[in-house]
């Protein structure tokens, strides 16, 4: 029931999982868009 937008695309690094307790982080890249995520909103926390 939710619309996932393609207009504000993103890319990500590979997702890896293992059985250890190490931190499994990944990075996500995106583009600012006035209707979604803006630079001001990110800087404002």
ModelCIF file with pLDDT and N, C-alpha, C, O atoms, coordinates in Angstrom:
data_MODEL
#
_entry.id   MODEL 
#
_entity.id                         1 
_entity.type                       polymer 
_entity.pdbx_number_of_molecules   1 
#
_entity_poly.entity_id                      1 
_entity_poly.type                           'polypeptide(L)' 
_entity_poly.nstd_linkage                   no 
_entity_poly.nstd_monomer                   no 
_entity_poly.pdbx_seq_one_letter_code       
;(UNK)(UNK)(UNK)(UNK)(UNK)(UNK)(UNK)(UNK)(UNK)(UNK)(UNK)(UNK)(UNK)(UNK)(UNK)(UNK)
(UNK)(UNK)(UNK)(UNK)(UNK)(UNK)(UNK)(UNK)(UNK)(UNK)(UNK)(UNK)(UNK)(UNK)(UNK)(UNK)
(UNK)(UNK)(UNK)(UNK)(UNK)(UNK)(UNK)(UNK)(UNK)(UNK)(UNK)(UNK)(UNK)
;
_entity_poly.pdbx_seq_one_letter_code_can   XXXXXXXXXXXXXXXXXXXXXXXXXXXXXXXXXXXXXXXXXXXXX 
_entity_poly.pdbx_strand_id                 A 
#
loop_
_entity_poly_seq.entity_id 
_entity_poly_seq.num 
_entity_poly_seq.mon_id 
_entity_poly_seq.hetero 
1 1  UNK n 
1 2  UNK n 
1 3  UNK n 
1 4  UNK n 
1 5  UNK n 
1 6  UNK n 
1 7  UNK n 
1 8  UNK n 
1 9  UNK n 
1 10 UNK n 
1 11 UNK n 
1 12 UNK n 
1 13 UNK n 
1 14 UNK n 
1 15 UNK n 
1 16 UNK n 
1 17 UNK n 
1 18 UNK n 
1 19 UNK n 
1 20 UNK n 
1 21 UNK n 
1 22 UNK n 
1 23 UNK n 
1 24 UNK n 
1 25 UNK n 
1 26 UNK n 
1 27 UNK n 
1 28 UNK n 
1 29 UNK n 
1 30 UNK n 
1 31 UNK n 
1 32 UNK n 
1 33 UNK n 
1 34 UNK n 
1 35 UNK n 
1 36 UNK n 
1 37 UNK n 
1 38 UNK n 
1 39 UNK n 
1 40 UNK n 
1 41 UNK n 
1 42 UNK n 
1 43 UNK n 
1 44 UNK n 
1 45 UNK n 
#
_struct_asym.id          A 
_struct_asym.entity_id   1 
#
loop_
_ma_qa_metric.id 
_ma_qa_metric.mode 
_ma_qa_metric.name 
_ma_qa_metric.software_group_id 
_ma_qa_metric.type 
1 global pLDDT . pLDDT 
2 local  pLDDT . pLDDT 
#
_ma_qa_metric_global.metric_id      1 
_ma_qa_metric_global.metric_value   64.71 
_ma_qa_metric_global.model_id       1 
_ma_qa_metric_global.ordinal_id     1 
#
loop_
_ma_qa_metric_local.label_asym_id 
_ma_qa_metric_local.label_comp_id 
_ma_qa_metric_local.label_seq_id 
_ma_qa_metric_local.metric_id 
_ma_qa_metric_local.metric_value 
_ma_qa_metric_local.model_id 
_ma_qa_metric_local.ordinal_id 
A UNK 1  2 90.00 1 1  
A UNK 2  2 91.00 1 2  
A UNK 3  2 90.00 1 3  
A UNK 4  2 90.00 1 4  
A UNK 5  2 85.00 1 5  
A UNK 6  2 82.00 1 6  
A UNK 7  2 69.00 1 7  
A UNK 8  2 61.00 1 8  
A UNK 9  2 56.00 1 9  
A UNK 10 2 59.00 1 10 
A UNK 11 2 61.00 1 11 
A UNK 12 2 60.00 1 12 
A UNK 13 2 56.00 1 13 
A UNK 14 2 53.00 1 14 
A UNK 15 2 55.00 1 15 
A UNK 16 2 52.00 1 16 
A UNK 17 2 52.00 1 17 
A UNK 18 2 51.00 1 18 
A UNK 19 2 49.00 1 19 
A UNK 20 2 50.00 1 20 
A UNK 21 2 47.00 1 21 
A UNK 22 2 51.00 1 22 
A UNK 23 2 48.00 1 23 
A UNK 24 2 54.00 1 24 
A UNK 25 2 56.00 1 25 
A UNK 26 2 61.00 1 26 
A UNK 27 2 63.00 1 27 
A UNK 28 2 66.00 1 28 
A UNK 29 2 64.00 1 29 
A UNK 30 2 62.00 1 30 
A UNK 31 2 59.00 1 31 
A UNK 32 2 51.00 1 32 
A UNK 33 2 61.00 1 33 
A UNK 34 2 49.00 1 34 
A UNK 35 2 63.00 1 35 
A UNK 36 2 70.00 1 36 
A UNK 37 2 73.00 1 37 
A UNK 38 2 75.00 1 38 
A UNK 39 2 73.00 1 39 
A UNK 40 2 76.00 1 40 
A UNK 41 2 78.00 1 41 
A UNK 42 2 76.00 1 42 
A UNK 43 2 74.00 1 43 
A UNK 44 2 74.00 1 44 
A UNK 45 2 76.00 1 45 
#
loop_
_atom_site.group_PDB 
_atom_site.id 
_atom_site.type_symbol 
_atom_site.label_atom_id 
_atom_site.label_alt_id 
_atom_site.label_comp_id 
_atom_site.label_asym_id 
_atom_site.label_entity_id 
_atom_site.label_seq_id 
_atom_site.pdbx_PDB_ins_code 
_atom_site.Cartn_x 
_atom_site.Cartn_y 
_atom_site.Cartn_z 
_atom_site.occupancy 
_atom_site.B_iso_or_equiv 
_atom_site.pdbx_formal_charge 
_atom_site.auth_seq_id 
_atom_site.auth_comp_id 
_atom_site.auth_asym_id 
_atom_site.auth_atom_id 
_atom_site.pdbx_PDB_model_num 
ATOM 1   N N  . UNK A 1 1  ? 0.774  -1.227  0.000  1.00 90.00 ? 1  UNK A N  1 
ATOM 2   C CA . UNK A 1 1  ? 0.000  0.000   0.000  1.00 90.00 ? 1  UNK A CA 1 
ATOM 3   C C  . UNK A 1 1  ? 0.810  1.284   0.000  1.00 90.00 ? 1  UNK A C  1 
ATOM 4   O O  . UNK A 1 1  ? 0.231  2.371   -0.017 1.00 90.00 ? 1  UNK A O  1 
ATOM 5   N N  . UNK A 1 2  ? 2.129  1.190   0.018  1.00 91.00 ? 2  UNK A N  1 
ATOM 6   C CA . UNK A 1 2  ? 2.996  2.362   0.020  1.00 91.00 ? 2  UNK A CA 1 
ATOM 7   C C  . UNK A 1 2  ? 3.688  2.500   -1.331 1.00 91.00 ? 2  UNK A C  1 
ATOM 8   O O  . UNK A 1 2  ? 4.116  1.514   -1.931 1.00 91.00 ? 2  UNK A O  1 
ATOM 9   N N  . UNK A 1 3  ? 3.789  3.749   -1.799 1.00 90.00 ? 3  UNK A N  1 
ATOM 10  C CA . UNK A 1 3  ? 4.440  4.017   -3.075 1.00 90.00 ? 3  UNK A CA 1 
ATOM 11  C C  . UNK A 1 3  ? 5.934  4.268   -2.843 1.00 90.00 ? 3  UNK A C  1 
ATOM 12  O O  . UNK A 1 3  ? 6.311  5.245   -2.196 1.00 90.00 ? 3  UNK A O  1 
ATOM 13  N N  . UNK A 1 4  ? 6.766  3.395   -3.366 1.00 90.00 ? 4  UNK A N  1 
ATOM 14  C CA . UNK A 1 4  ? 8.218  3.549   -3.265 1.00 90.00 ? 4  UNK A CA 1 
ATOM 15  C C  . UNK A 1 4  ? 8.692  4.284   -4.507 1.00 90.00 ? 4  UNK A C  1 
ATOM 16  O O  . UNK A 1 4  ? 8.554  3.789   -5.625 1.00 90.00 ? 4  UNK A O  1 
ATOM 17  N N  . UNK A 1 5  ? 9.257  5.485   -4.299 1.00 85.00 ? 5  UNK A N  1 
ATOM 18  C CA . UNK A 1 5  ? 9.563  6.385   -5.401 1.00 85.00 ? 5  UNK A CA 1 
ATOM 19  C C  . UNK A 1 5  ? 10.849 5.999   -6.121 1.00 85.00 ? 5  UNK A C  1 
ATOM 20  O O  . UNK A 1 5  ? 11.861 5.683   -5.495 1.00 85.00 ? 5  UNK A O  1 
ATOM 21  N N  . UNK A 1 6  ? 10.789 6.034   -7.441 1.00 82.00 ? 6  UNK A N  1 
ATOM 22  C CA . UNK A 1 6  ? 11.976 5.813   -8.262 1.00 82.00 ? 6  UNK A CA 1 
ATOM 23  C C  . UNK A 1 6  ? 12.595 7.126   -8.684 1.00 82.00 ? 6  UNK A C  1 
ATOM 24  O O  . UNK A 1 6  ? 13.751 7.153   -9.107 1.00 82.00 ? 6  UNK A O  1 
ATOM 25  N N  . UNK A 1 7  ? 11.842 8.234   -8.577 1.00 69.00 ? 7  UNK A N  1 
ATOM 26  C CA . UNK A 1 7  ? 12.356 9.530   -9.033 1.00 69.00 ? 7  UNK A CA 1 
ATOM 27  C C  . UNK A 1 7  ? 13.555 9.976   -8.213 1.00 69.00 ? 7  UNK A C  1 
ATOM 28  O O  . UNK A 1 7  ? 14.476 10.603  -8.737 1.00 69.00 ? 7  UNK A O  1 
ATOM 29  N N  . UNK A 1 8  ? 13.541 9.650   -6.926 1.00 61.00 ? 8  UNK A N  1 
ATOM 30  C CA . UNK A 1 8  ? 14.692 9.946   -6.064 1.00 61.00 ? 8  UNK A CA 1 
ATOM 31  C C  . UNK A 1 8  ? 15.456 8.648   -5.862 1.00 61.00 ? 8  UNK A C  1 
ATOM 32  O O  . UNK A 1 8  ? 15.342 8.004   -4.819 1.00 61.00 ? 8  UNK A O  1 
ATOM 33  N N  . UNK A 1 9  ? 16.221 8.275   -6.853 1.00 56.00 ? 9  UNK A N  1 
ATOM 34  C CA . UNK A 1 9  ? 16.902 7.003   -6.806 1.00 56.00 ? 9  UNK A CA 1 
ATOM 35  C C  . UNK A 1 9  ? 18.035 6.967   -5.797 1.00 56.00 ? 9  UNK A C  1 
ATOM 36  O O  . UNK A 1 9  ? 18.438 7.996   -5.254 1.00 56.00 ? 9  UNK A O  1 
ATOM 37  N N  . UNK A 1 10 ? 18.533 5.787   -5.560 1.00 59.00 ? 10 UNK A N  1 
ATOM 38  C CA . UNK A 1 10 ? 19.653 5.621   -4.640 1.00 59.00 ? 10 UNK A CA 1 
ATOM 39  C C  . UNK A 1 10 ? 20.464 4.415   -5.071 1.00 59.00 ? 10 UNK A C  1 
ATOM 40  O O  . UNK A 1 10 ? 19.990 3.583   -5.844 1.00 59.00 ? 10 UNK A O  1 
ATOM 41  N N  . UNK A 1 11 ? 21.659 4.323   -4.584 1.00 61.00 ? 11 UNK A N  1 
ATOM 42  C CA . UNK A 1 11 ? 22.498 3.150   -4.802 1.00 61.00 ? 11 UNK A CA 1 
ATOM 43  C C  . UNK A 1 11 ? 23.107 2.766   -3.469 1.00 61.00 ? 11 UNK A C  1 
ATOM 44  O O  . UNK A 1 11 ? 23.208 3.593   -2.563 1.00 61.00 ? 11 UNK A O  1 
ATOM 45  N N  . UNK A 1 12 ? 23.507 1.527   -3.350 1.00 60.00 ? 12 UNK A N  1 
ATOM 46  C CA . UNK A 1 12 ? 24.035 1.031   -2.091 1.00 60.00 ? 12 UNK A CA 1 
ATOM 47  C C  . UNK A 1 12 ? 25.242 0.146   -2.338 1.00 60.00 ? 12 UNK A C  1 
ATOM 48  O O  . UNK A 1 12 ? 25.453 -0.362  -3.440 1.00 60.00 ? 12 UNK A O  1 
ATOM 49  N N  . UNK A 1 13 ? 26.026 -0.025  -1.290 1.00 56.00 ? 13 UNK A N  1 
ATOM 50  C CA . UNK A 1 13 ? 27.122 -0.981  -1.359 1.00 56.00 ? 13 UNK A CA 1 
ATOM 51  C C  . UNK A 1 13 ? 26.564 -2.384  -1.149 1.00 56.00 ? 13 UNK A C  1 
ATOM 52  O O  . UNK A 1 13 ? 25.385 -2.560  -0.841 1.00 56.00 ? 13 UNK A O  1 
ATOM 53  N N  . UNK A 1 14 ? 27.423 -3.369  -1.319 1.00 53.00 ? 14 UNK A N  1 
ATOM 54  C CA . UNK A 1 14 ? 26.981 -4.748  -1.175 1.00 53.00 ? 14 UNK A CA 1 
ATOM 55  C C  . UNK A 1 14 ? 26.558 -5.034  0.262  1.00 53.00 ? 14 UNK A C  1 
ATOM 56  O O  . UNK A 1 14 ? 27.109 -4.477  1.212  1.00 53.00 ? 14 UNK A O  1 
ATOM 57  N N  . UNK A 1 15 ? 25.566 -5.918  0.400  1.00 55.00 ? 15 UNK A N  1 
ATOM 58  C CA . UNK A 1 15 ? 25.088 -6.337  1.716  1.00 55.00 ? 15 UNK A CA 1 
ATOM 59  C C  . UNK A 1 15 ? 25.729 -7.674  2.040  1.00 55.00 ? 15 UNK A C  1 
ATOM 60  O O  . UNK A 1 15 ? 25.625 -8.625  1.265  1.00 55.00 ? 15 UNK A O  1 
ATOM 61  N N  . UNK A 1 16 ? 26.383 -7.746  3.171  1.00 52.00 ? 16 UNK A N  1 
ATOM 62  C CA . UNK A 1 16 ? 27.038 -8.985  3.594  1.00 52.00 ? 16 UNK A CA 1 
ATOM 63  C C  . UNK A 1 16 ? 26.618 -9.308  5.019  1.00 52.00 ? 16 UNK A C  1 
ATOM 64  O O  . UNK A 1 16 ? 26.494 -8.413  5.855  1.00 52.00 ? 16 UNK A O  1 
ATOM 65  N N  . UNK A 1 17 ? 26.402 -10.577 5.291  1.00 52.00 ? 17 UNK A N  1 
ATOM 66  C CA . UNK A 1 17 ? 26.036 -11.039 6.624  1.00 52.00 ? 17 UNK A CA 1 
ATOM 67  C C  . UNK A 1 17 ? 26.939 -12.191 7.020  1.00 52.00 ? 17 UNK A C  1 
ATOM 68  O O  . UNK A 1 17 ? 27.359 -12.980 6.173  1.00 52.00 ? 17 UNK A O  1 
ATOM 69  N N  . UNK A 1 18 ? 27.239 -12.288 8.314  1.00 51.00 ? 18 UNK A N  1 
ATOM 70  C CA . UNK A 1 18 ? 27.983 -13.438 8.816  1.00 51.00 ? 18 UNK A CA 1 
ATOM 71  C C  . UNK A 1 18 ? 27.479 -13.764 10.211 1.00 51.00 ? 18 UNK A C  1 
ATOM 72  O O  . UNK A 1 18 ? 26.620 -13.070 10.756 1.00 51.00 ? 18 UNK A O  1 
ATOM 73  N N  . UNK A 1 19 ? 28.018 -14.819 10.774 1.00 49.00 ? 19 UNK A N  1 
ATOM 74  C CA . UNK A 1 19 ? 27.547 -15.309 12.067 1.00 49.00 ? 19 UNK A CA 1 
ATOM 75  C C  . UNK A 1 19 ? 28.273 -14.661 13.234 1.00 49.00 ? 19 UNK A C  1 
ATOM 76  O O  . UNK A 1 19 ? 27.953 -14.944 14.389 1.00 49.00 ? 19 UNK A O  1 
ATOM 77  N N  . UNK A 1 20 ? 29.240 -13.800 12.960 1.00 50.00 ? 20 UNK A N  1 
ATOM 78  C CA . UNK A 1 20 ? 29.963 -13.143 14.046 1.00 50.00 ? 20 UNK A CA 1 
ATOM 79  C C  . UNK A 1 20 ? 29.156 -11.967 14.569 1.00 50.00 ? 20 UNK A C  1 
ATOM 80  O O  . UNK A 1 20 ? 28.093 -11.650 14.035 1.00 50.00 ? 20 UNK A O  1 
ATOM 81  N N  . UNK A 1 21 ? 29.663 -11.318 15.617 1.00 47.00 ? 21 UNK A N  1 
ATOM 82  C CA . UNK A 1 21 ? 28.999 -10.163 16.201 1.00 47.00 ? 21 UNK A CA 1 
ATOM 83  C C  . UNK A 1 21 ? 29.598 -8.859  15.697 1.00 47.00 ? 21 UNK A C  1 
ATOM 84  O O  . UNK A 1 21 ? 29.407 -7.814  16.320 1.00 47.00 ? 21 UNK A O  1 
ATOM 85  N N  . UNK A 1 22 ? 30.327 -8.898  14.572 1.00 51.00 ? 22 UNK A N  1 
ATOM 86  C CA . UNK A 1 22 ? 30.904 -7.683  14.020 1.00 51.00 ? 22 UNK A CA 1 
ATOM 87  C C  . UNK A 1 22 ? 29.800 -6.802  13.444 1.00 51.00 ? 22 UNK A C  1 
ATOM 88  O O  . UNK A 1 22 ? 28.734 -7.288  13.066 1.00 51.00 ? 22 UNK A O  1 
ATOM 89  N N  . UNK A 1 23 ? 30.071 -5.511  13.384 1.00 48.00 ? 23 UNK A N  1 
ATOM 90  C CA . UNK A 1 23 ? 29.081 -4.563  12.894 1.00 48.00 ? 23 UNK A CA 1 
ATOM 91  C C  . UNK A 1 23 ? 28.990 -4.681  11.370 1.00 48.00 ? 23 UNK A C  1 
ATOM 92  O O  . UNK A 1 23 ? 29.986 -4.518  10.664 1.00 48.00 ? 23 UNK A O  1 
ATOM 93  N N  . UNK A 1 24 ? 27.773 -4.969  10.871 1.00 54.00 ? 24 UNK A N  1 
ATOM 94  C CA . UNK A 1 24 ? 27.593 -5.191  9.437  1.00 54.00 ? 24 UNK A CA 1 
ATOM 95  C C  . UNK A 1 24 ? 26.958 -3.954  8.811  1.00 54.00 ? 24 UNK A C  1 
ATOM 96  O O  . UNK A 1 24 ? 25.770 -3.939  8.491  1.00 54.00 ? 24 UNK A O  1 
ATOM 97  N N  . UNK A 1 25 ? 27.774 -2.919  8.645  1.00 56.00 ? 25 UNK A N  1 
ATOM 98  C CA . UNK A 1 25 ? 27.271 -1.665  8.084  1.00 56.00 ? 25 UNK A CA 1 
ATOM 99  C C  . UNK A 1 25 ? 27.308 -1.697  6.562  1.00 56.00 ? 25 UNK A C  1 
ATOM 100 O O  . UNK A 1 25 ? 28.012 -2.510  5.963  1.00 56.00 ? 25 UNK A O  1 
ATOM 101 N N  . UNK A 1 26 ? 26.538 -0.803  5.946  1.00 61.00 ? 26 UNK A N  1 
ATOM 102 C CA . UNK A 1 26 ? 26.625 -0.575  4.508  1.00 61.00 ? 26 UNK A CA 1 
ATOM 103 C C  . UNK A 1 26 ? 26.382 0.901   4.251  1.00 61.00 ? 26 UNK A C  1 
ATOM 104 O O  . UNK A 1 26 ? 25.854 1.610   5.108  1.00 61.00 ? 26 UNK A O  1 
ATOM 105 N N  . UNK A 1 27 ? 26.770 1.362   3.063  1.00 63.00 ? 27 UNK A N  1 
ATOM 106 C CA . UNK A 1 27 ? 26.605 2.772   2.701  1.00 63.00 ? 27 UNK A CA 1 
ATOM 107 C C  . UNK A 1 27 ? 25.516 2.907   1.656  1.00 63.00 ? 27 UNK A C  1 
ATOM 108 O O  . UNK A 1 27 ? 25.361 2.059   0.778  1.00 63.00 ? 27 UNK A O  1 
ATOM 109 N N  . UNK A 1 28 ? 24.756 4.005   1.772  1.00 66.00 ? 28 UNK A N  1 
ATOM 110 C CA . UNK A 1 28 ? 23.692 4.309   0.821  1.00 66.00 ? 28 UNK A CA 1 
ATOM 111 C C  . UNK A 1 28 ? 23.948 5.689   0.244  1.00 66.00 ? 28 UNK A C  1 
ATOM 112 O O  . UNK A 1 28 ? 24.163 6.645   0.988  1.00 66.00 ? 28 UNK A O  1 
ATOM 113 N N  . UNK A 1 29 ? 23.925 5.799   -1.091 1.00 64.00 ? 29 UNK A N  1 
ATOM 114 C CA . UNK A 1 29 ? 24.077 7.078   -1.782 1.00 64.00 ? 29 UNK A CA 1 
ATOM 115 C C  . UNK A 1 29 ? 22.728 7.507   -2.342 1.00 64.00 ? 29 UNK A C  1 
ATOM 116 O O  . UNK A 1 29 ? 21.954 6.681   -2.825 1.00 64.00 ? 29 UNK A O  1 
ATOM 117 N N  . UNK A 1 30 ? 22.452 8.813   -2.271 1.00 62.00 ? 30 UNK A N  1 
ATOM 118 C CA . UNK A 1 30 ? 21.212 9.331   -2.816 1.00 62.00 ? 30 UNK A CA 1 
ATOM 119 C C  . UNK A 1 30 ? 21.375 10.758  -3.294 1.00 62.00 ? 30 UNK A C  1 
ATOM 120 O O  . UNK A 1 30 ? 22.414 11.386  -3.092 1.00 62.00 ? 30 UNK A O  1 
ATOM 121 N N  . UNK A 1 31 ? 20.332 11.256  -3.931 1.00 59.00 ? 31 UNK A N  1 
ATOM 122 C CA . UNK A 1 31 ? 20.326 12.609  -4.477 1.00 59.00 ? 31 UNK A CA 1 
ATOM 123 C C  . UNK A 1 31 ? 19.271 13.421  -3.740 1.00 59.00 ? 31 UNK A C  1 
ATOM 124 O O  . UNK A 1 31 ? 18.174 12.929  -3.478 1.00 59.00 ? 31 UNK A O  1 
ATOM 125 N N  . UNK A 1 32 ? 19.600 14.660  -3.407 1.00 51.00 ? 32 UNK A N  1 
ATOM 126 C CA . UNK A 1 32 ? 18.635 15.526  -2.745 1.00 51.00 ? 32 UNK A CA 1 
ATOM 127 C C  . UNK A 1 32 ? 17.464 15.820  -3.671 1.00 51.00 ? 32 UNK A C  1 
ATOM 128 O O  . UNK A 1 32 ? 17.627 15.979  -4.881 1.00 51.00 ? 32 UNK A O  1 
ATOM 129 N N  . UNK A 1 33 ? 16.286 15.889  -3.073 1.00 61.00 ? 33 UNK A N  1 
ATOM 130 C CA . UNK A 1 33 ? 15.091 16.219  -3.820 1.00 61.00 ? 33 UNK A CA 1 
ATOM 131 C C  . UNK A 1 33 ? 14.203 17.074  -2.929 1.00 61.00 ? 33 UNK A C  1 
ATOM 132 O O  . UNK A 1 33 ? 14.012 16.763  -1.754 1.00 61.00 ? 33 UNK A O  1 
ATOM 133 N N  . UNK A 1 34 ? 13.659 18.152  -3.488 1.00 49.00 ? 34 UNK A N  1 
ATOM 134 C CA . UNK A 1 34 ? 12.887 19.111  -2.694 1.00 49.00 ? 34 UNK A CA 1 
ATOM 135 C C  . UNK A 1 34 ? 11.688 18.469  -2.018 1.00 49.00 ? 34 UNK A C  1 
ATOM 136 O O  . UNK A 1 34 ? 11.242 18.943  -0.973 1.00 49.00 ? 34 UNK A O  1 
ATOM 137 N N  . UNK A 1 35 ? 11.157 17.390  -2.604 1.00 63.00 ? 35 UNK A N  1 
ATOM 138 C CA . UNK A 1 35 ? 9.958  16.768  -2.054 1.00 63.00 ? 35 UNK A CA 1 
ATOM 139 C C  . UNK A 1 35 ? 10.263 15.653  -1.071 1.00 63.00 ? 35 UNK A C  1 
ATOM 140 O O  . UNK A 1 35 ? 9.347  15.145  -0.425 1.00 63.00 ? 35 UNK A O  1 
ATOM 141 N N  . UNK A 1 36 ? 11.531 15.253  -0.936 1.00 70.00 ? 36 UNK A N  1 
ATOM 142 C CA . UNK A 1 36 ? 11.847 14.126  -0.061 1.00 70.00 ? 36 UNK A CA 1 
ATOM 143 C C  . UNK A 1 36 ? 12.945 14.507  0.919  1.00 70.00 ? 36 UNK A C  1 
ATOM 144 O O  . UNK A 1 36 ? 12.672 15.142  1.937  1.00 70.00 ? 36 UNK A O  1 
ATOM 145 N N  . UNK A 1 37 ? 14.174 14.129  0.625  1.00 73.00 ? 37 UNK A N  1 
ATOM 146 C CA . UNK A 1 37 ? 15.297 14.411  1.517  1.00 73.00 ? 37 UNK A CA 1 
ATOM 147 C C  . UNK A 1 37 ? 16.044 15.640  1.006  1.00 73.00 ? 37 UNK A C  1 
ATOM 148 O O  . UNK A 1 37 ? 16.567 15.628  -0.109 1.00 73.00 ? 37 UNK A O  1 
ATOM 149 N N  . UNK A 1 38 ? 16.095 16.680  1.798  1.00 75.00 ? 38 UNK A N  1 
ATOM 150 C CA . UNK A 1 38 ? 16.776 17.909  1.406  1.00 75.00 ? 38 UNK A CA 1 
ATOM 151 C C  . UNK A 1 38 ? 18.052 18.080  2.214  1.00 75.00 ? 38 UNK A C  1 
ATOM 152 O O  . UNK A 1 38 ? 18.208 17.508  3.292  1.00 75.00 ? 38 UNK A O  1 
ATOM 153 N N  . UNK A 1 39 ? 18.953 18.873  1.673  1.00 73.00 ? 39 UNK A N  1 
ATOM 154 C CA . UNK A 1 39 ? 20.206 19.151  2.370  1.00 73.00 ? 39 UNK A CA 1 
ATOM 155 C C  . UNK A 1 39 ? 19.942 19.853  3.693  1.00 73.00 ? 39 UNK A C  1 
ATOM 156 O O  . UNK A 1 39 ? 20.586 19.550  4.698  1.00 73.00 ? 39 UNK A O  1 
ATOM 157 N N  . UNK A 1 40 ? 18.999 20.790  3.701  1.00 76.00 ? 40 UNK A N  1 
ATOM 158 C CA . UNK A 1 40 ? 18.690 21.523  4.930  1.00 76.00 ? 40 UNK A CA 1 
ATOM 159 C C  . UNK A 1 40 ? 18.166 20.585  6.012  1.00 76.00 ? 40 UNK A C  1 
ATOM 160 O O  . UNK A 1 40 ? 18.516 20.726  7.184  1.00 76.00 ? 40 UNK A O  1 
ATOM 161 N N  . UNK A 1 41 ? 17.331 19.631  5.619  1.00 78.00 ? 41 UNK A N  1 
ATOM 162 C CA . UNK A 1 41 ? 16.775 18.699  6.598  1.00 78.00 ? 41 UNK A CA 1 
ATOM 163 C C  . UNK A 1 41 ? 17.858 17.816  7.207  1.00 78.00 ? 41 UNK A C  1 
ATOM 164 O O  . UNK A 1 41 ? 17.832 17.527  8.403  1.00 78.00 ? 41 UNK A O  1 
ATOM 165 N N  . UNK A 1 42 ? 18.816 17.386  6.376  1.00 76.00 ? 42 UNK A N  1 
ATOM 166 C CA . UNK A 1 42 ? 19.912 16.579  6.894  1.00 76.00 ? 42 UNK A CA 1 
ATOM 167 C C  . UNK A 1 42 ? 20.791 17.390  7.834  1.00 76.00 ? 42 UNK A C  1 
ATOM 168 O O  . UNK A 1 42 ? 21.165 16.914  8.905  1.00 76.00 ? 42 UNK A O  1 
ATOM 169 N N  . UNK A 1 43 ? 21.121 18.619  7.435  1.00 74.00 ? 43 UNK A N  1 
ATOM 170 C CA . UNK A 1 43 ? 21.970 19.467  8.277  1.00 74.00 ? 43 UNK A CA 1 
ATOM 171 C C  . UNK A 1 43 ? 21.265 19.850  9.576  1.00 74.00 ? 43 UNK A C  1 
ATOM 172 O O  . UNK A 1 43 ? 21.914 20.065  10.600 1.00 74.00 ? 43 UNK A O  1 
ATOM 173 N N  . UNK A 1 44 ? 19.942 19.934  9.530  1.00 74.00 ? 44 UNK A N  1 
ATOM 174 C CA . UNK A 1 44 ? 19.181 20.280  10.727 1.00 74.00 ? 44 UNK A CA 1 
ATOM 175 C C  . UNK A 1 44 ? 19.029 19.100  11.681 1.00 74.00 ? 44 UNK A C  1 
ATOM 176 O O  . UNK A 1 44 ? 18.516 19.258  12.788 1.00 74.00 ? 44 UNK A O  1 
ATOM 177 N N  . UNK A 1 45 ? 19.472 17.925  11.258 1.00 76.00 ? 45 UNK A N  1 
ATOM 178 C CA . UNK A 1 45 ? 19.406 16.755  12.134 1.00 76.00 ? 45 UNK A CA 1 
ATOM 179 C C  . UNK A 1 45 ? 18.072 16.046  12.136 1.00 76.00 ? 45 UNK A C  1 
ATOM 180 O O  . UNK A 1 45 ? 17.904 15.048  12.837 1.00 76.00 ? 45 UNK A O  1 
#
